[in-house]
Amino acid sequence: MGLPGLVDDGTYVATLHGVNRTQYPIYASTVIGSVTALSADVIMRGIDLAEQRGGGNINLLAMHHSVRRAYIALTDTSRRYTAGDLSSPDAGTDAARGRNLTFGGIGLEVDKYANYGAMYGLDTSTLVRFVEVAGEWINEDGAILRPVGSGTTFTDEWEAAYRIWQNFHNEYPNKSFRLDGITATVIVSHIE
């Protein structure tokens, strides 16, 4: 289910690990939908609601690259080009060099797999990872390596599979928030 299920009010996942979010509001995150244009006010609203509803201490904002660009656009008019050679000002931010940005000291993290048009405000102290198998090569029949091919057609290739059995949980979803429907330009990247 990922973050859309862990930080949710029941829109994506009505029952989180056996607990109904309608019956137990502690399991319902603040979700502000239809945000459209991102603003510092709506981000601050999410932070305030997470603190008021669950005592959340937001220490990470997670999003897709497109939402980060919408965030950077918020600061365009506030940036001043006073340092260095003003005949060739640098209009970029630290994000251009792969460095993380911040909102009021809270780090912004981007992930190419994050859903479009959403920002997650996380109190990471509530996120837990339960591990059944930390990692192992699959060895159900006494052999880790298996020949590639089927029937009588085999090549000189071998394959193995590695597995991890784990599950993620949010102990107090009401300490986090999600902003949905943020207007952001998504650039489709085809990998060949």
N, C-alpha and C. Protein backbone atom coordinates (compact mmCIF):
# COMPACT_ATOMS: atom_id res chain seq x y z
N MET A 1 0.82 -1.19 0.00
CA MET A 1 0.00 0.00 0.00
C MET A 1 0.86 1.26 0.00
N GLY A 2 2.04 1.22 0.55
CA GLY A 2 2.94 2.35 0.56
C GLY A 2 2.41 3.53 1.35
N LEU A 3 2.99 4.72 1.10
CA LEU A 3 2.57 5.91 1.82
C LEU A 3 1.11 6.28 1.62
N PRO A 4 0.53 6.07 0.40
CA PRO A 4 -0.90 6.43 0.27
C PRO A 4 -1.80 5.66 1.26
N GLY A 5 -1.40 4.48 1.67
CA GLY A 5 -2.18 3.73 2.64
C GLY A 5 -1.80 4.01 4.07
N LEU A 6 -0.52 4.27 4.32
CA LEU A 6 -0.06 4.53 5.68
C LEU A 6 -0.45 5.91 6.17
N VAL A 7 -0.48 6.88 5.26
CA VAL A 7 -0.88 8.25 5.59
C VAL A 7 -2.18 8.50 4.84
N ASP A 8 -3.29 8.13 5.47
CA ASP A 8 -4.58 8.15 4.79
C ASP A 8 -5.70 8.35 5.80
N ASP A 9 -6.84 8.80 5.31
CA ASP A 9 -8.03 8.97 6.14
C ASP A 9 -9.09 7.92 5.84
N GLY A 10 -8.74 6.92 5.06
CA GLY A 10 -9.68 5.88 4.65
C GLY A 10 -10.00 5.94 3.17
N THR A 11 -9.45 6.91 2.47
CA THR A 11 -9.69 7.05 1.03
C THR A 11 -9.13 5.86 0.26
N TYR A 12 -7.88 5.49 0.53
CA TYR A 12 -7.24 4.37 -0.15
C TYR A 12 -7.38 3.07 0.65
N VAL A 13 -7.15 3.15 1.94
CA VAL A 13 -7.16 1.97 2.80
C VAL A 13 -8.07 2.25 3.99
N ALA A 14 -9.25 1.65 4.00
CA ALA A 14 -10.24 1.89 5.07
C ALA A 14 -9.84 1.20 6.37
N THR A 15 -9.17 0.06 6.27
CA THR A 15 -8.74 -0.70 7.45
C THR A 15 -7.24 -0.89 7.38
N LEU A 16 -6.51 -0.27 8.31
CA LEU A 16 -5.05 -0.37 8.34
C LEU A 16 -4.64 -1.47 9.31
N HIS A 17 -4.11 -2.56 8.78
CA HIS A 17 -3.64 -3.69 9.58
C HIS A 17 -4.68 -4.14 10.59
N GLY A 18 -5.93 -4.24 10.12
CA GLY A 18 -7.01 -4.76 10.94
C GLY A 18 -7.74 -3.72 11.78
N VAL A 19 -7.34 -2.46 11.71
CA VAL A 19 -7.99 -1.42 12.50
C VAL A 19 -8.78 -0.51 11.57
N ASN A 20 -10.08 -0.38 11.85
CA ASN A 20 -10.97 0.45 11.04
C ASN A 20 -10.72 1.92 11.35
N ARG A 21 -10.40 2.69 10.32
CA ARG A 21 -10.08 4.11 10.51
C ARG A 21 -11.28 4.95 10.91
N THR A 22 -12.48 4.51 10.56
CA THR A 22 -13.69 5.26 10.94
C THR A 22 -13.97 5.09 12.43
N GLN A 23 -13.79 3.90 12.94
CA GLN A 23 -14.06 3.63 14.36
C GLN A 23 -12.97 4.18 15.27
N TYR A 24 -11.73 4.23 14.78
CA TYR A 24 -10.60 4.67 15.60
C TYR A 24 -9.89 5.83 14.89
N PRO A 25 -10.29 7.08 15.19
CA PRO A 25 -9.73 8.25 14.51
C PRO A 25 -8.22 8.40 14.65
N ILE A 26 -7.61 7.75 15.64
CA ILE A 26 -6.16 7.82 15.79
C ILE A 26 -5.47 7.22 14.56
N TYR A 27 -6.21 6.38 13.82
CA TYR A 27 -5.67 5.75 12.62
C TYR A 27 -5.98 6.52 11.35
N ALA A 28 -6.59 7.71 11.47
CA ALA A 28 -6.91 8.53 10.30
C ALA A 28 -5.98 9.73 10.25
N SER A 29 -5.25 9.84 9.16
CA SER A 29 -4.38 10.99 8.95
C SER A 29 -5.20 12.17 8.45
N THR A 30 -4.62 13.35 8.57
CA THR A 30 -5.22 14.53 7.96
C THR A 30 -4.92 14.47 6.47
N VAL A 31 -5.95 14.55 5.65
CA VAL A 31 -5.80 14.58 4.20
C VAL A 31 -6.50 15.83 3.68
N ILE A 32 -5.72 16.71 3.05
CA ILE A 32 -6.29 17.91 2.44
C ILE A 32 -6.30 17.64 0.94
N GLY A 33 -7.50 17.50 0.39
CA GLY A 33 -7.65 17.17 -1.02
C GLY A 33 -7.87 18.39 -1.89
N SER A 34 -7.71 18.20 -3.19
CA SER A 34 -7.94 19.26 -4.18
C SER A 34 -7.17 20.53 -3.86
N VAL A 35 -5.90 20.40 -3.56
CA VAL A 35 -5.06 21.54 -3.20
C VAL A 35 -4.89 22.50 -4.38
N THR A 36 -4.73 21.99 -5.57
CA THR A 36 -4.39 22.74 -6.81
C THR A 36 -3.07 23.47 -6.61
N ALA A 37 -3.05 24.78 -6.58
CA ALA A 37 -1.79 25.52 -6.48
C ALA A 37 -1.19 25.35 -5.08
N LEU A 38 0.04 24.85 -5.03
CA LEU A 38 0.72 24.65 -3.77
C LEU A 38 1.06 26.01 -3.15
N SER A 39 0.91 26.10 -1.83
CA SER A 39 1.27 27.33 -1.13
C SER A 39 1.89 26.98 0.21
N ALA A 40 2.64 27.93 0.77
CA ALA A 40 3.21 27.72 2.09
C ALA A 40 2.10 27.58 3.12
N ASP A 41 0.98 28.26 2.89
CA ASP A 41 -0.14 28.19 3.84
C ASP A 41 -0.72 26.78 3.92
N VAL A 42 -0.93 26.12 2.79
CA VAL A 42 -1.53 24.78 2.83
C VAL A 42 -0.56 23.78 3.44
N ILE A 43 0.74 23.94 3.22
CA ILE A 43 1.72 23.06 3.87
C ILE A 43 1.67 23.28 5.38
N MET A 44 1.61 24.54 5.79
CA MET A 44 1.55 24.86 7.22
C MET A 44 0.25 24.37 7.84
N ARG A 45 -0.85 24.40 7.08
CA ARG A 45 -2.12 23.87 7.56
C ARG A 45 -1.99 22.38 7.88
N GLY A 46 -1.34 21.63 6.99
CA GLY A 46 -1.12 20.21 7.24
C GLY A 46 -0.29 19.96 8.47
N ILE A 47 0.78 20.74 8.63
CA ILE A 47 1.65 20.61 9.80
C ILE A 47 0.87 20.92 11.07
N ASP A 48 0.09 22.01 11.04
CA ASP A 48 -0.69 22.39 12.22
C ASP A 48 -1.73 21.34 12.58
N LEU A 49 -2.43 20.81 11.58
CA LEU A 49 -3.47 19.81 11.85
C LEU A 49 -2.88 18.52 12.40
N ALA A 50 -1.71 18.10 11.89
CA ALA A 50 -1.06 16.89 12.42
C ALA A 50 -0.65 17.10 13.88
N GLU A 51 -0.22 18.30 14.20
CA GLU A 51 0.17 18.60 15.58
C GLU A 51 -1.06 18.68 16.48
N GLN A 52 -2.14 19.31 16.01
CA GLN A 52 -3.35 19.47 16.82
C GLN A 52 -4.08 18.16 17.02
N ARG A 53 -4.18 17.34 15.99
CA ARG A 53 -4.95 16.09 16.06
C ARG A 53 -4.22 14.98 16.79
N GLY A 54 -2.89 14.89 16.60
CA GLY A 54 -2.19 13.74 17.17
C GLY A 54 -0.90 14.07 17.89
N GLY A 55 -0.58 15.36 18.00
CA GLY A 55 0.70 15.70 18.63
C GLY A 55 1.88 15.43 17.72
N GLY A 56 1.62 15.40 16.41
CA GLY A 56 2.67 15.08 15.44
C GLY A 56 3.76 16.14 15.37
N ASN A 57 4.96 15.67 15.15
CA ASN A 57 6.12 16.54 14.96
C ASN A 57 6.67 16.23 13.57
N ILE A 58 6.19 16.94 12.56
CA ILE A 58 6.57 16.66 11.17
C ILE A 58 8.06 16.94 11.00
N ASN A 59 8.80 15.92 10.57
CA ASN A 59 10.23 16.10 10.37
C ASN A 59 10.68 15.69 8.96
N LEU A 60 9.71 15.38 8.07
CA LEU A 60 10.06 15.04 6.70
C LEU A 60 8.86 15.31 5.80
N LEU A 61 9.12 15.96 4.66
CA LEU A 61 8.11 16.16 3.62
C LEU A 61 8.56 15.35 2.42
N ALA A 62 7.73 14.41 1.98
CA ALA A 62 8.08 13.52 0.88
C ALA A 62 7.16 13.78 -0.30
N MET A 63 7.73 13.68 -1.53
CA MET A 63 6.97 14.00 -2.73
C MET A 63 7.68 13.52 -3.98
N HIS A 64 6.98 13.61 -5.11
CA HIS A 64 7.55 13.34 -6.43
C HIS A 64 8.32 14.58 -6.89
N HIS A 65 9.22 14.40 -7.84
CA HIS A 65 10.02 15.51 -8.36
C HIS A 65 9.15 16.66 -8.87
N SER A 66 8.02 16.33 -9.49
CA SER A 66 7.15 17.36 -10.04
C SER A 66 6.59 18.27 -8.94
N VAL A 67 6.28 17.70 -7.79
CA VAL A 67 5.78 18.49 -6.67
C VAL A 67 6.91 19.34 -6.09
N ARG A 68 8.12 18.81 -6.09
CA ARG A 68 9.26 19.62 -5.63
C ARG A 68 9.43 20.85 -6.52
N ARG A 69 9.25 20.67 -7.84
CA ARG A 69 9.34 21.83 -8.74
C ARG A 69 8.25 22.85 -8.44
N ALA A 70 7.05 22.38 -8.10
CA ALA A 70 5.98 23.29 -7.71
C ALA A 70 6.36 24.02 -6.42
N TYR A 71 7.04 23.33 -5.51
CA TYR A 71 7.51 23.95 -4.27
C TYR A 71 8.57 25.01 -4.57
N ILE A 72 9.50 24.68 -5.45
CA ILE A 72 10.55 25.64 -5.81
C ILE A 72 9.94 26.88 -6.43
N ALA A 73 8.89 26.71 -7.24
CA ALA A 73 8.22 27.85 -7.87
C ALA A 73 7.65 28.82 -6.83
N LEU A 74 7.32 28.31 -5.64
CA LEU A 74 6.83 29.19 -4.57
C LEU A 74 7.87 30.23 -4.17
N THR A 75 9.12 29.87 -4.29
CA THR A 75 10.20 30.74 -3.80
C THR A 75 10.82 31.60 -4.90
N ASP A 76 10.35 31.46 -6.14
CA ASP A 76 10.96 32.22 -7.25
C ASP A 76 10.99 33.71 -7.00
N THR A 77 9.89 34.29 -6.58
CA THR A 77 9.85 35.75 -6.40
C THR A 77 10.62 36.21 -5.18
N SER A 78 10.91 35.31 -4.25
CA SER A 78 11.62 35.69 -3.03
C SER A 78 13.13 35.59 -3.15
N ARG A 79 13.62 34.88 -4.17
CA ARG A 79 15.07 34.70 -4.30
C ARG A 79 15.73 35.98 -4.78
N ARG A 80 16.83 36.30 -4.19
CA ARG A 80 17.61 37.48 -4.56
C ARG A 80 18.95 37.04 -5.12
N TYR A 81 19.37 37.72 -6.14
CA TYR A 81 20.64 37.38 -6.77
C TYR A 81 21.67 38.44 -6.36
N THR A 82 22.15 38.35 -5.14
CA THR A 82 23.06 39.37 -4.62
C THR A 82 24.49 38.87 -4.48
N ALA A 83 24.67 37.58 -4.47
CA ALA A 83 26.02 37.04 -4.28
C ALA A 83 26.67 36.75 -5.63
N GLY A 84 27.96 36.85 -5.65
CA GLY A 84 28.70 36.48 -6.86
C GLY A 84 28.58 37.52 -7.96
N ASP A 85 28.77 37.07 -9.17
CA ASP A 85 28.76 37.93 -10.35
C ASP A 85 27.32 38.12 -10.82
N LEU A 86 26.76 39.31 -10.67
CA LEU A 86 25.38 39.56 -11.04
C LEU A 86 25.18 39.65 -12.55
N SER A 87 26.28 39.65 -13.32
CA SER A 87 26.12 39.62 -14.78
C SER A 87 25.73 38.23 -15.26
N SER A 88 25.91 37.23 -14.41
CA SER A 88 25.45 35.87 -14.75
C SER A 88 24.86 35.22 -13.49
N PRO A 89 23.65 35.66 -13.09
CA PRO A 89 23.07 35.12 -11.86
C PRO A 89 22.67 33.65 -12.03
N ASP A 90 22.68 32.93 -10.92
CA ASP A 90 22.30 31.52 -10.89
C ASP A 90 20.86 31.43 -10.40
N ALA A 91 19.96 31.04 -11.28
CA ALA A 91 18.53 30.97 -10.94
C ALA A 91 18.15 29.64 -10.30
N GLY A 92 19.09 28.73 -10.17
CA GLY A 92 18.78 27.41 -9.63
C GLY A 92 18.78 27.36 -8.12
N THR A 93 18.49 26.18 -7.59
CA THR A 93 18.53 25.94 -6.15
C THR A 93 19.45 24.75 -5.88
N ASP A 94 19.62 24.43 -4.62
CA ASP A 94 20.44 23.27 -4.26
C ASP A 94 19.89 21.97 -4.83
N ALA A 95 18.61 21.94 -5.16
CA ALA A 95 18.00 20.74 -5.73
C ALA A 95 18.66 20.36 -7.05
N ALA A 96 19.17 21.35 -7.78
CA ALA A 96 19.82 21.07 -9.07
C ALA A 96 21.06 20.20 -8.88
N ARG A 97 21.69 20.28 -7.72
CA ARG A 97 22.89 19.48 -7.46
C ARG A 97 22.56 18.24 -6.62
N GLY A 98 21.28 17.91 -6.52
CA GLY A 98 20.89 16.71 -5.78
C GLY A 98 20.81 16.90 -4.28
N ARG A 99 20.90 18.13 -3.83
CA ARG A 99 20.80 18.38 -2.39
C ARG A 99 19.34 18.59 -2.01
N ASN A 100 19.02 18.26 -0.79
CA ASN A 100 17.65 18.41 -0.31
C ASN A 100 17.35 19.85 0.06
N LEU A 101 16.12 20.24 -0.20
CA LEU A 101 15.63 21.55 0.21
C LEU A 101 14.93 21.40 1.55
N THR A 102 14.51 22.53 2.12
CA THR A 102 13.80 22.49 3.39
C THR A 102 12.60 23.43 3.35
N PHE A 103 11.65 23.18 4.22
CA PHE A 103 10.53 24.07 4.48
C PHE A 103 10.55 24.33 5.98
N GLY A 104 10.96 25.51 6.38
CA GLY A 104 11.05 25.82 7.81
C GLY A 104 11.98 24.89 8.55
N GLY A 105 13.01 24.43 7.90
CA GLY A 105 13.96 23.50 8.52
C GLY A 105 13.58 22.03 8.38
N ILE A 106 12.39 21.74 7.87
CA ILE A 106 11.96 20.35 7.64
C ILE A 106 12.47 19.93 6.28
N GLY A 107 13.17 18.81 6.22
CA GLY A 107 13.74 18.33 4.97
C GLY A 107 12.69 17.87 3.97
N LEU A 108 12.96 18.16 2.69
CA LEU A 108 12.12 17.68 1.59
C LEU A 108 12.84 16.51 0.94
N GLU A 109 12.14 15.41 0.77
CA GLU A 109 12.70 14.21 0.15
C GLU A 109 11.89 13.90 -1.10
N VAL A 110 12.58 13.64 -2.21
CA VAL A 110 11.88 13.30 -3.45
C VAL A 110 12.11 11.83 -3.79
N ASP A 111 11.11 11.25 -4.44
CA ASP A 111 11.21 9.86 -4.87
C ASP A 111 10.49 9.73 -6.19
N LYS A 112 11.16 9.14 -7.17
CA LYS A 112 10.56 9.01 -8.50
C LYS A 112 9.34 8.08 -8.49
N TYR A 113 9.18 7.28 -7.45
CA TYR A 113 8.03 6.38 -7.36
C TYR A 113 6.86 6.98 -6.57
N ALA A 114 7.03 8.17 -6.04
CA ALA A 114 5.94 8.81 -5.28
C ALA A 114 4.80 9.14 -6.23
N ASN A 115 3.58 9.12 -5.69
CA ASN A 115 2.45 9.41 -6.56
C ASN A 115 2.42 10.90 -6.92
N TYR A 116 1.94 11.16 -8.13
CA TYR A 116 1.90 12.52 -8.65
C TYR A 116 0.90 13.36 -7.88
N GLY A 117 1.21 14.64 -7.72
CA GLY A 117 0.27 15.58 -7.13
C GLY A 117 0.03 15.41 -5.65
N ALA A 118 0.94 14.77 -4.94
CA ALA A 118 0.76 14.55 -3.50
C ALA A 118 2.03 14.92 -2.74
N MET A 119 1.84 15.42 -1.52
CA MET A 119 2.95 15.70 -0.61
C MET A 119 2.59 15.04 0.72
N TYR A 120 3.55 14.38 1.32
CA TYR A 120 3.35 13.71 2.60
C TYR A 120 4.15 14.43 3.67
N GLY A 121 3.48 14.79 4.74
CA GLY A 121 4.15 15.34 5.92
C GLY A 121 4.24 14.23 6.94
N LEU A 122 5.45 13.80 7.25
CA LEU A 122 5.65 12.60 8.07
C LEU A 122 6.28 12.91 9.42
N ASP A 123 5.74 12.31 10.44
CA ASP A 123 6.39 12.22 11.73
C ASP A 123 7.04 10.83 11.72
N THR A 124 8.31 10.78 11.35
CA THR A 124 8.96 9.49 11.10
C THR A 124 9.11 8.64 12.36
N SER A 125 8.92 9.24 13.54
CA SER A 125 9.01 8.43 14.77
C SER A 125 7.87 7.42 14.87
N THR A 126 6.82 7.59 14.07
CA THR A 126 5.67 6.70 14.13
C THR A 126 5.73 5.60 13.07
N LEU A 127 6.70 5.65 12.19
CA LEU A 127 6.82 4.66 11.12
C LEU A 127 7.67 3.49 11.60
N VAL A 128 7.16 2.28 11.40
CA VAL A 128 7.81 1.07 11.88
C VAL A 128 7.93 0.07 10.73
N ARG A 129 9.01 -0.67 10.73
CA ARG A 129 9.22 -1.74 9.75
C ARG A 129 9.30 -3.07 10.48
N PHE A 130 8.37 -3.96 10.16
CA PHE A 130 8.38 -5.30 10.74
C PHE A 130 9.02 -6.25 9.73
N VAL A 131 10.02 -6.99 10.18
CA VAL A 131 10.78 -7.86 9.29
C VAL A 131 10.59 -9.31 9.70
N GLU A 132 10.07 -10.11 8.77
CA GLU A 132 9.95 -11.55 8.99
C GLU A 132 11.23 -12.24 8.51
N VAL A 133 11.67 -11.87 7.31
CA VAL A 133 12.93 -12.38 6.76
C VAL A 133 13.71 -11.17 6.25
N ALA A 134 14.86 -10.91 6.85
CA ALA A 134 15.65 -9.73 6.50
C ALA A 134 16.19 -9.81 5.08
N GLY A 135 16.35 -10.99 4.57
CA GLY A 135 16.85 -11.19 3.23
C GLY A 135 17.52 -12.54 3.11
N GLU A 136 17.16 -13.27 2.06
CA GLU A 136 17.75 -14.59 1.87
C GLU A 136 17.60 -15.00 0.41
N TRP A 137 18.51 -15.85 -0.05
CA TRP A 137 18.36 -16.45 -1.37
C TRP A 137 17.32 -17.54 -1.27
N ILE A 138 16.42 -17.60 -2.22
CA ILE A 138 15.39 -18.63 -2.21
C ILE A 138 16.05 -19.98 -2.43
N ASN A 139 15.81 -20.88 -1.48
CA ASN A 139 16.44 -22.20 -1.50
C ASN A 139 15.42 -23.22 -1.02
N GLU A 140 14.34 -23.35 -1.78
CA GLU A 140 13.25 -24.25 -1.39
C GLU A 140 13.58 -25.72 -1.65
N ASP A 141 14.43 -25.98 -2.65
CA ASP A 141 14.69 -27.37 -3.03
C ASP A 141 16.16 -27.76 -2.90
N GLY A 142 16.92 -27.00 -2.13
CA GLY A 142 18.32 -27.32 -1.93
C GLY A 142 19.26 -26.73 -2.96
N ALA A 143 18.74 -25.95 -3.89
CA ALA A 143 19.58 -25.34 -4.93
C ALA A 143 19.20 -23.87 -5.06
N ILE A 144 20.17 -23.00 -4.91
CA ILE A 144 19.94 -21.55 -5.07
C ILE A 144 19.93 -21.19 -6.54
N LEU A 145 20.85 -21.76 -7.30
CA LEU A 145 20.93 -21.45 -8.73
C LEU A 145 20.05 -22.40 -9.53
N ARG A 146 19.39 -21.85 -10.53
CA ARG A 146 18.54 -22.64 -11.43
C ARG A 146 18.91 -22.31 -12.87
N PRO A 147 18.90 -23.31 -13.76
CA PRO A 147 19.20 -23.00 -15.16
C PRO A 147 18.08 -22.19 -15.80
N VAL A 148 18.47 -21.29 -16.69
CA VAL A 148 17.50 -20.49 -17.43
C VAL A 148 17.01 -21.30 -18.61
N GLY A 149 15.72 -21.33 -18.81
CA GLY A 149 15.14 -22.11 -19.91
C GLY A 149 14.05 -23.02 -19.37
N SER A 150 13.45 -23.76 -20.29
CA SER A 150 12.39 -24.67 -19.87
C SER A 150 12.43 -25.93 -20.73
N GLY A 151 11.85 -26.98 -20.21
CA GLY A 151 11.80 -28.24 -20.96
C GLY A 151 13.19 -28.75 -21.27
N THR A 152 13.49 -28.93 -22.55
CA THR A 152 14.81 -29.42 -22.97
C THR A 152 15.68 -28.30 -23.51
N THR A 153 15.17 -27.07 -23.52
CA THR A 153 15.93 -25.93 -24.06
C THR A 153 16.55 -25.15 -22.91
N PHE A 154 17.84 -25.38 -22.69
CA PHE A 154 18.56 -24.67 -21.65
C PHE A 154 19.77 -23.99 -22.26
N THR A 155 20.20 -22.92 -21.64
CA THR A 155 21.41 -22.22 -22.08
C THR A 155 22.44 -22.32 -20.97
N ASP A 156 23.56 -21.67 -21.19
CA ASP A 156 24.60 -21.64 -20.16
C ASP A 156 24.36 -20.49 -19.19
N GLU A 157 23.11 -20.20 -18.93
CA GLU A 157 22.75 -19.13 -18.01
C GLU A 157 22.07 -19.71 -16.78
N TRP A 158 22.32 -19.06 -15.66
CA TRP A 158 21.74 -19.47 -14.40
C TRP A 158 21.14 -18.25 -13.73
N GLU A 159 20.13 -18.49 -12.91
CA GLU A 159 19.51 -17.38 -12.20
C GLU A 159 19.24 -17.78 -10.75
N ALA A 160 19.13 -16.76 -9.92
CA ALA A 160 18.79 -16.97 -8.51
C ALA A 160 17.83 -15.85 -8.11
N ALA A 161 17.07 -16.09 -7.08
CA ALA A 161 16.11 -15.08 -6.61
C ALA A 161 16.37 -14.80 -5.13
N TYR A 162 16.27 -13.54 -4.79
CA TYR A 162 16.48 -13.07 -3.41
C TYR A 162 15.17 -12.52 -2.89
N ARG A 163 14.82 -12.82 -1.66
CA ARG A 163 13.55 -12.32 -1.12
C ARG A 163 13.74 -11.67 0.24
N ILE A 164 12.86 -10.70 0.47
CA ILE A 164 12.77 -10.02 1.76
C ILE A 164 11.29 -10.02 2.13
N TRP A 165 10.97 -10.46 3.32
CA TRP A 165 9.59 -10.44 3.80
C TRP A 165 9.52 -9.39 4.89
N GLN A 166 8.80 -8.30 4.58
CA GLN A 166 8.69 -7.22 5.54
C GLN A 166 7.37 -6.50 5.33
N ASN A 167 6.98 -5.73 6.31
CA ASN A 167 5.78 -4.92 6.20
C ASN A 167 6.03 -3.62 6.95
N PHE A 168 5.48 -2.56 6.42
CA PHE A 168 5.63 -1.25 7.03
C PHE A 168 4.33 -0.87 7.73
N HIS A 169 4.45 -0.11 8.80
CA HIS A 169 3.28 0.26 9.59
C HIS A 169 3.47 1.69 10.10
N ASN A 170 2.35 2.39 10.26
CA ASN A 170 2.34 3.71 10.86
C ASN A 170 1.57 3.58 12.17
N GLU A 171 2.28 3.67 13.30
CA GLU A 171 1.65 3.46 14.60
C GLU A 171 0.61 4.54 14.93
N TYR A 172 0.84 5.77 14.49
CA TYR A 172 -0.07 6.87 14.76
C TYR A 172 -0.27 7.70 13.49
N PRO A 173 -1.11 7.23 12.57
CA PRO A 173 -1.32 7.96 11.32
C PRO A 173 -1.82 9.39 11.52
N ASN A 174 -2.49 9.68 12.66
CA ASN A 174 -3.00 11.02 12.89
C ASN A 174 -1.89 12.03 13.19
N LYS A 175 -0.64 11.57 13.30
CA LYS A 175 0.50 12.46 13.50
C LYS A 175 1.12 12.89 12.17
N SER A 176 0.58 12.41 11.05
CA SER A 176 1.10 12.77 9.72
C SER A 176 -0.03 13.34 8.88
N PHE A 177 0.32 13.93 7.73
CA PHE A 177 -0.69 14.48 6.84
C PHE A 177 -0.33 14.23 5.39
N ARG A 178 -1.33 14.39 4.54
CA ARG A 178 -1.13 14.26 3.09
C ARG A 178 -1.87 15.38 2.39
N LEU A 179 -1.21 15.97 1.40
CA LEU A 179 -1.84 16.96 0.53
C LEU A 179 -2.06 16.27 -0.82
N ASP A 180 -3.28 16.29 -1.32
CA ASP A 180 -3.62 15.67 -2.60
C ASP A 180 -4.05 16.72 -3.61
N GLY A 181 -3.93 16.37 -4.88
CA GLY A 181 -4.43 17.24 -5.94
C GLY A 181 -3.58 18.47 -6.18
N ILE A 182 -2.29 18.39 -5.90
CA ILE A 182 -1.39 19.52 -6.14
C ILE A 182 -1.15 19.63 -7.64
N THR A 183 -1.31 20.82 -8.17
CA THR A 183 -1.05 21.06 -9.58
C THR A 183 0.45 21.09 -9.81
N ALA A 184 0.94 20.16 -10.60
CA ALA A 184 2.37 20.07 -10.90
C ALA A 184 2.54 19.49 -12.29
N THR A 185 3.54 19.96 -12.99
CA THR A 185 3.83 19.47 -14.33
C THR A 185 4.67 18.21 -14.25
N VAL A 186 4.09 17.11 -14.69
CA VAL A 186 4.78 15.83 -14.65
C VAL A 186 5.51 15.63 -15.98
N ILE A 187 6.78 15.34 -15.89
CA ILE A 187 7.58 15.03 -17.09
C ILE A 187 7.71 13.53 -17.16
N VAL A 188 7.23 12.96 -18.24
CA VAL A 188 7.28 11.51 -18.41
C VAL A 188 8.66 11.13 -18.93
N SER A 189 9.31 10.22 -18.23
CA SER A 189 10.65 9.78 -18.60
C SER A 189 10.57 8.33 -19.05
N HIS A 190 10.81 8.12 -20.34
CA HIS A 190 10.80 6.75 -20.87
C HIS A 190 12.20 6.17 -20.75
N ILE A 191 12.29 5.02 -20.10
CA ILE A 191 13.58 4.36 -19.92
C ILE A 191 13.68 3.24 -20.94
N GLU A 192 14.75 3.24 -21.68
CA GLU A 192 14.94 2.20 -22.71
C GLU A 192 16.09 1.32 -22.40
